[in-house]
Amino acid sequence: MEAAFAPYGEVTSARIITDRETRRSKGFGFVEMSDDNAAERAIAELNEQELAGRKMVVKPAMPREDKQASAE
């Protein structure tokens, strides 16, 4: 995954999220880049492209909602 984003700028971290019990991929991950402009270019160029036979949805991460606030 990191190699797909590297042409657009420095990748500071790349992580595929896995299930704790099975260790299988949950089908999504997070990539952090050192430069916002590079991240925007990567999003524009890589969204809807294939990686390892799967179409990617590339978008900015949104803050995680507080579970307690969601229950109200």
Protein backbone atom coordinates (compact mmCIF):
# COMPACT_ATOMS: atom_id res chain seq x y z
CA MET A 1 0.00 0.00 0.00
CA GLU A 2 2.79 2.42 0.87
CA ALA A 3 4.34 1.96 -2.59
CA ALA A 4 1.11 3.12 -4.27
CA PHE A 5 1.15 6.42 -2.34
CA ALA A 6 4.92 7.10 -2.38
CA PRO A 7 5.00 8.67 -5.89
CA TYR A 8 2.85 11.52 -4.56
CA GLY A 9 5.01 12.41 -1.56
CA GLU A 10 6.58 11.13 1.64
CA VAL A 11 4.48 8.48 3.39
CA THR A 12 4.98 8.85 7.14
CA SER A 13 2.87 5.79 8.02
CA ALA A 14 0.72 3.18 6.31
CA ARG A 15 -1.40 0.64 8.16
CA ILE A 16 -3.90 -1.98 7.04
CA ILE A 17 -6.50 -2.66 9.71
CA THR A 18 -6.85 -6.33 10.66
CA ASP A 19 -9.24 -8.34 12.78
CA ARG A 20 -7.70 -9.01 16.21
CA GLU A 21 -8.76 -12.65 16.33
CA THR A 22 -8.28 -13.82 12.74
CA ARG A 23 -5.59 -11.32 11.75
CA ARG A 24 -7.32 -11.00 8.38
CA SER A 25 -7.63 -7.61 6.71
CA LYS A 26 -10.86 -5.74 7.39
CA GLY A 27 -10.59 -4.24 3.90
CA PHE A 28 -9.39 -0.76 4.82
CA GLY A 29 -6.34 1.06 6.02
CA PHE A 30 -4.84 4.44 6.79
CA VAL A 31 -2.01 6.29 5.08
CA GLU A 32 -0.44 9.42 6.54
CA MET A 33 1.61 11.72 4.37
CA SER A 34 3.97 14.49 5.47
CA ASP A 35 2.43 17.11 3.17
CA ASP A 36 -1.25 18.02 2.78
CA ASN A 37 -0.81 18.88 -0.91
CA ALA A 38 0.76 15.49 -1.60
CA ALA A 39 -2.11 13.80 0.25
CA GLU A 40 -4.67 15.70 -1.83
CA ARG A 41 -2.90 14.67 -5.07
CA ALA A 42 -2.80 11.03 -3.93
CA ILE A 43 -6.51 11.11 -3.08
CA ALA A 44 -7.38 12.62 -6.48
CA GLU A 45 -5.20 10.19 -8.45
CA LEU A 46 -5.72 6.94 -6.52
CA ASN A 47 -9.44 7.04 -5.71
CA GLU A 48 -11.29 4.35 -7.71
CA GLN A 49 -7.99 2.80 -8.89
CA GLU A 50 -7.16 -0.89 -8.40
CA LEU A 51 -4.59 -2.14 -5.92
CA ALA A 52 -3.97 -5.87 -5.60
CA GLY A 53 -7.10 -6.60 -7.61
CA ARG A 54 -9.42 -4.44 -5.49
CA LYS A 55 -10.82 -1.01 -6.26
CA MET A 56 -9.71 1.54 -3.70
CA VAL A 57 -11.83 4.26 -2.16
CA VAL A 58 -9.35 6.93 -1.10
CA LYS A 59 -10.63 9.80 1.00
CA PRO A 60 -9.52 11.91 3.96
CA ALA A 61 -9.97 10.25 7.34
CA MET A 62 -12.81 11.64 9.41
CA PRO A 63 -12.60 12.01 13.19
CA ARG A 64 -14.01 9.00 14.98
CA GLU A 65 -17.39 9.69 16.58
CA ASP A 66 -17.65 9.27 20.33
CA LYS A 67 -19.68 6.07 20.90
CA GLN A 68 -21.51 7.60 23.86
CA ALA A 69 -22.54 10.65 21.84
CA SER A 70 -23.88 8.37 19.09
CA ALA A 71 -26.08 6.49 21.56
CA GLU A 72 -27.91 9.64 22.67
